[in-house]
Amino acid sequence: MSWTRDQKNVTIAAYLGWTLDAFDFFLTVFVLKDIATEFNTKIPAVALAITLTLAARPLGALIFGRLADKFGRRPTLMVNIACYAVLELLSGFSPNLTTFIVLRTLFGIAMGGEWGVGAALTMETVPPSSRGIISGVLQAGYPSGYLIASIVFGVLYQYIGWRGMFFIGVLPALLVLYVRRNVPESPAWKAMENRQRPGLLVTLKHNLKLSIYTIVLMTAFNFFSHGSQDLYPTFLREQHHFDPHTVSLITITLNVGAIVGGLFFGRVSEKIGRRWAIFIAALIALPVLPLWAFSHGAVALAAGAFLMQIAVQGAWGVIPVHLNEISPDEIRATFPGLVYQLGNLLASVNATLQASLAASHGNDYAMAMAIVAGTVAVVIAVLILFSRERRGIDLTQSAKQAGAA
């Protein structure tokens, strides 16, 4: 099926929205050590900022998701992007650790809204037969943001310091202009715009089993991604004592693997189904664990990181389309983002947990990361088999039927 210009613009905007959101988030993971030094504290204390950023994301998913369900995906996306860009800029002006942590918590609220709104807008707009590969494209925005952050750290950090890294993070605000000019509203939202719809609590209560299941699933998924990514630069700097340039090259490599994995398994999910694509991708992580966590030398670690992120983001690449397809039509901008971010909330202890576990075992970050990644890979493979398979459902027609019901 040929694509319209509007469908292309929506995909570009949603991809860039999540890419730049992730870019702003991941800037922090590269400079934990530097912030701790400036504010005269330890890395686990600064890692609390990551924990609170993740913990605040469900509130953002709820706020911006409800706004998108009520007022439309497009205007909500613009407000959302502007909010997280400004908060990123302000983080660079933090005079102390407390202010920094407060600003990162507020950033978490803004960050929490983008994924659900952008994914709903895209999945409701693109052709059904293309949703699998576009799901991989959207989720590839996350490692793409990490990749850009890696490049910025490797190239500019020595000149601009940790505060300058956050100043660069205001650039996503320019995306608002693109959305305003080129992105149309979702046809599925238009189909329901003037219809009477049940409230959020009523809809969630009616779909209680689905809600609980998806929250548990997304908790495991968030442990999978954050457990294999957030402290990896710190692992490379603290345990292997690599210089910033080497850390940058390794993280660039792992994010290329993440992008490849998301695109590949997103495409594969159109052929074998969403559940089996996730199942296979998650289990690939197990044989890769020794190379990823316990090998020595930059080349071996880079190879392990590349393969690990093919597994992690390969599984994640199917999530945007899968959650949108199984979501209740009435709250599609709210539900996927909310359960995703509630999973983030439950998994938000990861950074502090891993940092503290490593510190208590002689800075053994390898052990801490391997325990988390290996465990949740198995958990995800088991949980996904209990999900529903709704590959290829017509979301606009489904919305019309829901609105008429």
Protein backbone atom coordinates (compact mmCIF):
# COMPACT_ATOMS: atom_id res chain seq x y z
CA MET A 1 0.00 0.00 0.00
CA SER A 2 1.33 3.47 -0.95
CA TRP A 3 1.73 6.02 1.78
CA THR A 4 0.25 9.51 1.80
CA ARG A 5 2.31 12.57 2.67
CA ASP A 6 0.39 12.96 5.94
CA GLN A 7 1.20 9.38 6.98
CA LYS A 8 4.90 9.98 6.35
CA ASN A 9 4.89 13.25 8.30
CA VAL A 10 3.13 11.67 11.28
CA THR A 11 5.69 8.85 11.39
CA ILE A 12 8.62 11.27 11.16
CA ALA A 13 7.21 13.49 13.91
CA ALA A 14 6.47 10.61 16.30
CA TYR A 15 9.88 9.04 15.68
CA LEU A 16 11.71 12.32 16.28
CA GLY A 17 9.57 13.07 19.33
CA TRP A 18 10.60 9.83 21.03
CA THR A 19 14.19 10.09 19.76
CA LEU A 20 14.68 13.56 21.23
CA ASP A 21 12.84 12.63 24.42
CA ALA A 22 15.23 9.71 24.91
CA PHE A 23 18.19 11.91 23.97
CA ASP A 24 17.28 14.33 26.76
CA PHE A 25 16.87 11.45 29.22
CA PHE A 26 20.11 9.64 28.39
CA LEU A 27 22.29 12.74 28.67
CA THR A 28 22.04 12.22 32.42
CA VAL A 29 23.46 8.68 32.44
CA PHE A 30 26.73 9.87 30.91
CA VAL A 31 27.39 12.52 33.56
CA LEU A 32 26.34 10.88 36.83
CA LYS A 33 29.97 10.84 37.96
CA ASP A 34 30.50 14.51 37.08
CA ILE A 35 27.35 15.71 38.84
CA ALA A 36 28.28 13.69 41.92
CA THR A 37 31.72 15.32 41.94
CA GLU A 38 30.39 18.86 41.59
CA PHE A 39 27.77 18.44 44.29
CA ASN A 40 30.15 16.53 46.57
CA THR A 41 28.12 13.33 46.79
CA LYS A 42 28.15 9.71 45.61
CA ILE A 43 26.91 8.25 42.30
CA PRO A 44 23.96 6.37 43.91
CA ALA A 45 22.68 9.69 45.30
CA VAL A 46 22.69 11.23 41.82
CA ALA A 47 21.21 8.04 40.34
CA LEU A 48 18.13 8.89 42.42
CA ALA A 49 17.40 11.49 39.74
CA ILE A 50 17.03 8.68 37.19
CA THR A 51 14.81 6.75 39.58
CA LEU A 52 12.51 9.73 40.11
CA THR A 53 12.47 10.57 36.40
CA LEU A 54 11.17 7.07 35.67
CA ALA A 55 8.82 7.13 38.66
CA ALA A 56 7.18 10.37 37.48
CA ARG A 57 6.49 9.12 33.97
CA PRO A 58 3.12 7.44 34.75
CA LEU A 59 1.76 10.82 35.87
CA GLY A 60 2.84 12.30 32.56
CA ALA A 61 1.29 9.42 30.62
CA LEU A 62 -1.99 9.98 32.49
CA ILE A 63 -2.02 13.77 32.10
CA PHE A 64 -0.97 13.99 28.46
CA GLY A 65 -2.84 10.81 27.49
CA ARG A 66 -6.11 12.18 28.83
CA LEU A 67 -5.48 15.50 27.09
CA ALA A 68 -4.84 13.64 23.83
CA ASP A 69 -7.98 11.53 24.18
CA LYS A 70 -10.04 14.64 24.88
CA PHE A 71 -8.49 17.37 22.72
CA GLY A 72 -6.62 15.40 20.06
CA ARG A 73 -3.22 13.81 19.58
CA ARG A 74 -1.63 16.62 17.56
CA PRO A 75 -1.98 19.66 19.91
CA THR A 76 -1.10 17.53 22.93
CA LEU A 77 2.07 16.28 21.26
CA MET A 78 3.22 19.85 20.62
CA VAL A 79 2.70 20.94 24.23
CA ASN A 80 4.37 17.77 25.48
CA ILE A 81 7.54 18.23 23.41
CA ALA A 82 7.87 21.89 24.43
CA CYS A 83 7.58 20.94 28.13
CA TYR A 84 10.33 18.32 28.17
CA ALA A 85 12.70 20.50 26.12
CA VAL A 86 12.39 23.47 28.49
CA LEU A 87 12.82 21.31 31.59
CA GLU A 88 15.96 19.80 30.07
CA LEU A 89 17.40 23.29 29.60
CA LEU A 90 16.58 24.27 33.18
CA SER A 91 18.34 21.12 34.49
CA GLY A 92 21.62 22.57 33.27
CA PHE A 93 21.20 25.58 35.56
CA SER A 94 20.77 23.48 38.73
CA PRO A 95 22.68 25.13 41.62
CA ASN A 96 22.55 22.02 43.82
CA LEU A 97 21.57 18.36 43.83
CA THR A 98 18.10 18.97 45.27
CA THR A 99 17.16 21.37 42.48
CA PHE A 100 18.55 18.98 39.89
CA ILE A 101 16.50 16.08 41.27
CA VAL A 102 13.31 18.20 41.34
CA LEU A 103 13.81 19.30 37.74
CA ARG A 104 14.50 15.74 36.60
CA THR A 105 11.31 14.60 38.31
CA LEU A 106 9.33 17.26 36.43
CA PHE A 107 11.14 16.21 33.26
CA GLY A 108 9.91 12.68 33.95
CA ILE A 109 6.32 13.91 33.89
CA ALA A 110 6.85 15.49 30.48
CA MET A 111 8.81 12.50 29.20
CA GLY A 112 6.05 10.13 30.29
CA GLY A 113 3.50 11.69 27.98
CA GLU A 114 5.29 11.58 24.64
CA TRP A 115 5.43 7.85 23.94
CA GLY A 116 1.73 7.10 24.36
CA VAL A 117 0.52 10.15 22.45
CA GLY A 118 2.99 9.73 19.59
CA ALA A 119 2.38 5.99 19.28
CA ALA A 120 -1.41 6.40 19.24
CA LEU A 121 -1.22 9.13 16.59
CA THR A 122 1.03 6.99 14.40
CA MET A 123 -0.68 3.62 14.77
CA GLU A 124 -4.07 5.22 14.07
CA THR A 125 -2.72 6.90 10.92
CA VAL A 126 -0.40 4.49 9.07
CA PRO A 127 -1.67 1.55 6.94
CA PRO A 128 -2.42 -1.56 9.07
CA SER A 129 -0.03 -3.71 7.03
CA SER A 130 2.83 -1.34 7.89
CA ARG A 131 2.23 -1.07 11.63
CA GLY A 132 4.77 -3.76 12.56
CA ILE A 133 7.73 -2.15 10.82
CA ILE A 134 6.61 1.34 11.93
CA SER A 135 6.41 0.04 15.50
CA GLY A 136 10.06 -0.93 15.14
CA VAL A 137 10.85 2.50 13.71
CA LEU A 138 9.12 4.30 16.58
CA GLN A 139 10.80 2.20 19.24
CA ALA A 140 14.10 2.68 17.45
CA GLY A 141 13.70 6.29 18.46
CA TYR A 142 14.73 5.33 21.99
CA PRO A 143 18.15 3.89 21.07
CA SER A 144 18.47 6.61 18.44
CA GLY A 145 18.21 9.15 21.24
CA TYR A 146 20.77 7.20 23.25
CA LEU A 147 22.99 7.09 20.15
CA ILE A 148 22.83 10.87 19.69
CA ALA A 149 23.55 11.37 23.38
CA SER A 150 26.57 9.05 23.00
CA ILE A 151 27.89 11.12 20.10
CA VAL A 152 27.31 14.42 21.90
CA PHE A 153 29.09 13.07 24.98
CA GLY A 154 32.04 11.78 22.98
CA VAL A 155 32.44 14.90 20.84
CA LEU A 156 31.30 17.86 22.94
CA TYR A 157 31.52 16.89 26.61
CA GLN A 158 35.18 17.85 26.97
CA TYR A 159 34.33 21.36 25.76
CA ILE A 160 30.94 22.06 27.35
CA GLY A 161 30.90 19.96 30.52
CA TRP A 162 27.83 18.35 32.05
CA ARG A 163 25.82 21.58 32.18
CA GLY A 164 26.37 22.24 28.49
CA MET A 165 25.02 18.77 27.73
CA PHE A 166 21.67 19.80 29.19
CA PHE A 167 21.69 23.16 27.37
CA ILE A 168 21.87 21.27 24.07
CA GLY A 169 18.80 19.34 25.23
CA VAL A 170 16.53 22.32 24.52
CA LEU A 171 16.83 21.72 20.75
CA PRO A 172 13.81 19.31 20.58
CA ALA A 173 11.58 22.38 21.04
CA LEU A 174 12.13 23.06 17.33
CA LEU A 175 10.17 19.88 16.54
CA VAL A 176 7.00 21.66 17.70
CA LEU A 177 7.19 23.84 14.59
CA TYR A 178 7.35 20.78 12.34
CA VAL A 179 4.35 19.17 14.01
CA ARG A 180 2.33 22.38 13.79
CA ARG A 181 3.03 22.75 10.10
CA ASN A 182 3.01 19.19 8.76
CA VAL A 183 1.18 16.77 11.06
CA PRO A 184 -2.59 16.12 10.78
CA GLU A 185 -4.89 14.80 13.47
CA SER A 186 -5.50 11.06 13.87
CA PRO A 187 -8.43 9.73 11.78
CA ALA A 188 -9.38 7.32 14.57
CA TRP A 189 -9.59 10.18 17.08
CA LYS A 190 -11.72 12.19 14.63
CA ALA A 191 -14.08 9.18 14.34
CA MET A 192 -14.69 9.36 18.10
CA GLU A 193 -14.30 13.12 18.66
CA ASN A 194 -17.98 14.00 19.04
CA ARG A 195 -19.20 10.70 20.48
CA GLN A 196 -20.09 9.99 24.07
CA ARG A 197 -17.34 7.87 25.62
CA PRO A 198 -16.99 6.23 29.03
CA GLY A 199 -14.48 7.70 31.46
CA LEU A 200 -10.99 6.39 32.15
CA LEU A 201 -11.82 4.61 35.40
CA VAL A 202 -14.91 2.95 33.92
CA THR A 203 -12.93 1.73 30.92
CA LEU A 204 -10.04 0.47 33.05
CA LYS A 205 -12.46 -1.33 35.38
CA HIS A 206 -14.12 -2.97 32.40
CA ASN A 207 -10.65 -4.09 31.23
CA LEU A 208 -9.20 -4.88 34.66
CA LYS A 209 -7.46 -8.16 33.75
CA LEU A 210 -5.90 -6.61 30.66
CA SER A 211 -4.74 -3.60 32.69
CA ILE A 212 -3.06 -5.67 35.40
CA TYR A 213 -1.46 -8.01 32.89
CA THR A 214 0.00 -5.22 30.74
CA ILE A 215 1.37 -3.36 33.78
CA VAL A 216 3.19 -6.51 34.92
CA LEU A 217 4.45 -7.12 31.38
CA MET A 218 5.71 -3.56 31.03
CA THR A 219 7.42 -3.73 34.42
CA ALA A 220 9.48 -6.63 33.12
CA PHE A 221 10.14 -4.79 29.86
CA ASN A 222 11.37 -1.68 31.67
CA PHE A 223 13.71 -3.72 33.86
CA PHE A 224 14.96 -5.27 30.59
CA SER A 225 15.80 -1.95 28.93
CA HIS A 226 16.87 0.16 31.88
CA GLY A 227 18.68 -2.77 33.49
CA SER A 228 20.82 -3.21 30.39
CA GLN A 229 21.32 0.46 29.45
CA ASP A 230 21.17 3.06 32.21
CA LEU A 231 24.32 2.14 34.12
CA TYR A 232 26.27 0.74 31.18
CA PRO A 233 28.31 3.94 30.67
CA THR A 234 29.03 4.01 34.42
CA PHE A 235 30.01 0.31 34.23
CA LEU A 236 32.45 1.12 31.44
CA ARG A 237 33.92 4.14 33.24
CA GLU A 238 34.04 2.80 36.80
CA GLN A 239 34.76 -0.93 36.34
CA HIS A 240 36.83 -0.87 33.16
CA HIS A 241 38.16 2.69 33.50
CA PHE A 242 37.63 3.54 29.85
CA ASP A 243 38.03 7.16 28.76
CA PRO A 244 34.97 9.15 27.54
CA HIS A 245 35.86 8.57 23.87
CA THR A 246 35.90 4.76 24.29
CA VAL A 247 32.67 4.86 26.33
CA SER A 248 31.08 6.88 23.56
CA LEU A 249 32.16 4.42 20.85
CA ILE A 250 30.84 1.40 22.78
CA THR A 251 27.49 3.04 23.51
CA ILE A 252 27.20 4.08 19.87
CA THR A 253 27.76 0.43 18.92
CA LEU A 254 25.15 -0.89 21.33
CA ASN A 255 22.59 1.62 20.06
CA VAL A 256 23.19 0.60 16.46
CA GLY A 257 22.39 -2.94 17.62
CA ALA A 258 19.25 -1.66 19.33
CA ILE A 259 18.04 0.07 16.18
CA VAL A 260 18.75 -3.04 14.07
CA GLY A 261 16.90 -5.23 16.58
CA GLY A 262 13.83 -3.00 16.74
CA LEU A 263 13.50 -2.70 12.98
CA PHE A 264 14.12 -6.42 12.37
CA PHE A 265 11.68 -7.79 14.92
CA GLY A 266 9.08 -5.14 14.12
CA ARG A 267 9.13 -6.43 10.55
CA VAL A 268 9.19 -10.07 11.66
CA SER A 269 6.10 -9.49 13.83
CA GLU A 270 4.05 -8.88 10.67
CA LYS A 271 4.82 -12.43 9.58
CA ILE A 272 4.90 -14.53 12.79
CA GLY A 273 2.75 -12.37 15.06
CA ARG A 274 3.57 -9.92 17.85
CA ARG A 275 3.83 -12.50 20.65
CA TRP A 276 6.27 -14.88 18.98
CA ALA A 277 8.50 -12.03 17.79
CA ILE A 278 8.81 -10.77 21.38
CA PHE A 279 9.33 -14.30 22.72
CA ILE A 280 12.23 -15.02 20.38
CA ALA A 281 13.91 -11.64 20.84
CA ALA A 282 13.82 -11.84 24.64
CA LEU A 283 15.43 -15.27 24.78
CA ILE A 284 18.30 -14.20 22.53
CA ALA A 285 19.58 -12.21 25.54
CA LEU A 286 20.48 -15.33 27.52
CA PRO A 287 23.38 -16.73 25.46
CA VAL A 288 24.69 -13.17 24.98
CA LEU A 289 24.95 -12.40 28.72
CA PRO A 290 28.55 -13.63 29.32
CA LEU A 291 29.99 -11.65 26.40
CA TRP A 292 27.97 -8.53 27.32
CA ALA A 293 28.76 -8.36 31.04
CA PHE A 294 31.84 -10.44 31.80
CA SER A 295 34.17 -10.11 28.83
CA HIS A 296 37.30 -7.93 28.84
CA GLY A 297 38.48 -5.39 26.35
CA ALA A 298 36.60 -2.70 24.45
CA VAL A 299 36.01 -4.77 21.31
CA ALA A 300 34.50 -7.77 23.13
CA LEU A 301 32.32 -5.55 25.31
CA ALA A 302 31.14 -3.61 22.26
CA ALA A 303 30.21 -6.87 20.50
CA GLY A 304 28.33 -8.09 23.55
CA ALA A 305 26.54 -4.76 23.94
CA PHE A 306 25.56 -4.80 20.24
CA LEU A 307 24.05 -8.30 20.49
CA MET A 308 22.36 -7.64 23.84
CA GLN A 309 20.56 -4.60 22.49
CA ILE A 310 19.40 -6.52 19.42
CA ALA A 311 17.57 -8.74 21.91
CA VAL A 312 16.35 -5.98 24.24
CA GLN A 313 15.17 -3.50 21.64
CA GLY A 314 14.12 -6.31 19.30
CA ALA A 315 11.52 -7.26 21.89
CA TRP A 316 10.72 -3.62 22.57
CA GLY A 317 10.30 -2.89 18.86
CA VAL A 318 7.03 -4.80 18.81
CA ILE A 319 5.59 -3.10 21.90
CA PRO A 320 4.19 0.13 20.37
CA VAL A 321 2.04 -1.75 17.87
CA HIS A 322 1.11 -4.58 20.25
CA LEU A 323 -0.09 -2.28 23.04
CA ASN A 324 -2.05 -0.11 20.61
CA GLU A 325 -3.72 -3.14 19.03
CA ILE A 326 -4.83 -4.63 22.35
CA SER A 327 -5.77 -1.25 23.89
CA PRO A 328 -9.41 -0.23 24.53
CA ASP A 329 -10.38 2.14 21.69
CA GLU A 330 -11.81 4.82 23.98
CA ILE A 331 -8.50 5.48 25.74
CA ARG A 332 -5.87 4.51 23.18
CA ALA A 333 -3.76 7.63 23.79
CA THR A 334 -3.88 6.98 27.53
CA PHE A 335 -3.81 3.20 27.99
CA PRO A 336 -0.56 2.12 26.22
CA GLY A 337 1.41 5.02 27.65
CA LEU A 338 -0.07 4.62 31.13
CA VAL A 339 0.63 0.89 31.48
CA TYR A 340 4.08 1.41 29.95
CA GLN A 341 4.91 4.17 32.43
CA LEU A 342 3.38 2.35 35.40
CA GLY A 343 5.76 -0.45 34.47
CA ASN A 344 8.48 2.21 34.51
CA LEU A 345 7.36 3.27 37.97
CA LEU A 346 7.65 -0.26 39.32
CA ALA A 347 11.01 -0.67 37.60
CA SER A 348 12.26 2.80 38.55
CA VAL A 349 14.28 1.34 41.43
CA ASN A 350 16.59 -0.26 38.89
CA ALA A 351 19.32 2.41 38.69
CA THR A 352 19.58 2.85 42.46
CA LEU A 353 19.30 -0.91 43.00
CA GLN A 354 22.03 -1.79 40.51
CA ALA A 355 24.33 1.04 41.64
CA SER A 356 23.96 0.08 45.30
CA LEU A 357 24.39 -3.64 44.57
CA ALA A 358 27.52 -2.95 42.55
CA ALA A 359 28.95 -0.60 45.21
CA SER A 360 28.43 -3.22 47.93
CA HIS A 361 30.36 -5.79 45.88
CA GLY A 362 33.46 -3.80 45.03
CA ASN A 363 31.93 -1.83 42.15
CA ASP A 364 30.94 -5.05 40.34
CA TYR A 365 28.45 -3.54 37.90
CA ALA A 366 28.71 -6.61 35.64
CA MET A 367 27.11 -8.87 38.23
CA ALA A 368 24.33 -6.38 39.00
CA MET A 369 23.42 -5.92 35.34
CA ALA A 370 23.60 -9.63 34.49
CA ILE A 371 21.25 -10.61 37.32
CA VAL A 372 18.58 -8.17 36.17
CA ALA A 373 18.87 -8.75 32.41
CA GLY A 374 18.93 -12.54 32.63
CA THR A 375 15.98 -12.75 34.99
CA VAL A 376 13.64 -10.46 33.10
CA ALA A 377 14.48 -12.02 29.73
CA VAL A 378 12.94 -15.27 30.99
CA VAL A 379 10.02 -13.48 32.65
CA ILE A 380 9.14 -11.62 29.42
CA ALA A 381 9.32 -14.81 27.34
CA VAL A 382 6.83 -16.49 29.69
CA LEU A 383 4.48 -13.51 30.15
CA ILE A 384 4.08 -12.66 26.46
CA LEU A 385 2.59 -16.08 25.72
CA PHE A 386 -0.47 -15.06 27.76
CA SER A 387 -1.13 -11.93 25.70
CA ARG A 388 -3.78 -11.49 23.01
CA GLU A 389 -2.80 -11.44 19.33
CA ARG A 390 -4.61 -8.70 17.34
CA ARG A 391 -2.17 -8.22 14.49
CA GLY A 392 -3.56 -6.06 11.68
CA ILE A 393 -6.82 -4.92 13.32
CA ASP A 394 -8.38 -1.80 11.69
CA LEU A 395 -8.05 0.80 14.46
CA THR A 396 -10.22 3.44 12.78
CA GLN A 397 -13.08 1.01 12.18
CA SER A 398 -12.68 -0.34 15.71
CA ALA A 399 -12.91 3.24 17.05
CA LYS A 400 -16.09 3.89 15.08
CA GLN A 401 -17.67 0.74 16.48
CA ALA A 402 -16.60 1.64 20.00
CA GLY A 403 -18.01 5.15 19.64
CA ALA A 404 -21.31 3.80 18.33
CA ALA A 405 -21.62 1.21 21.10
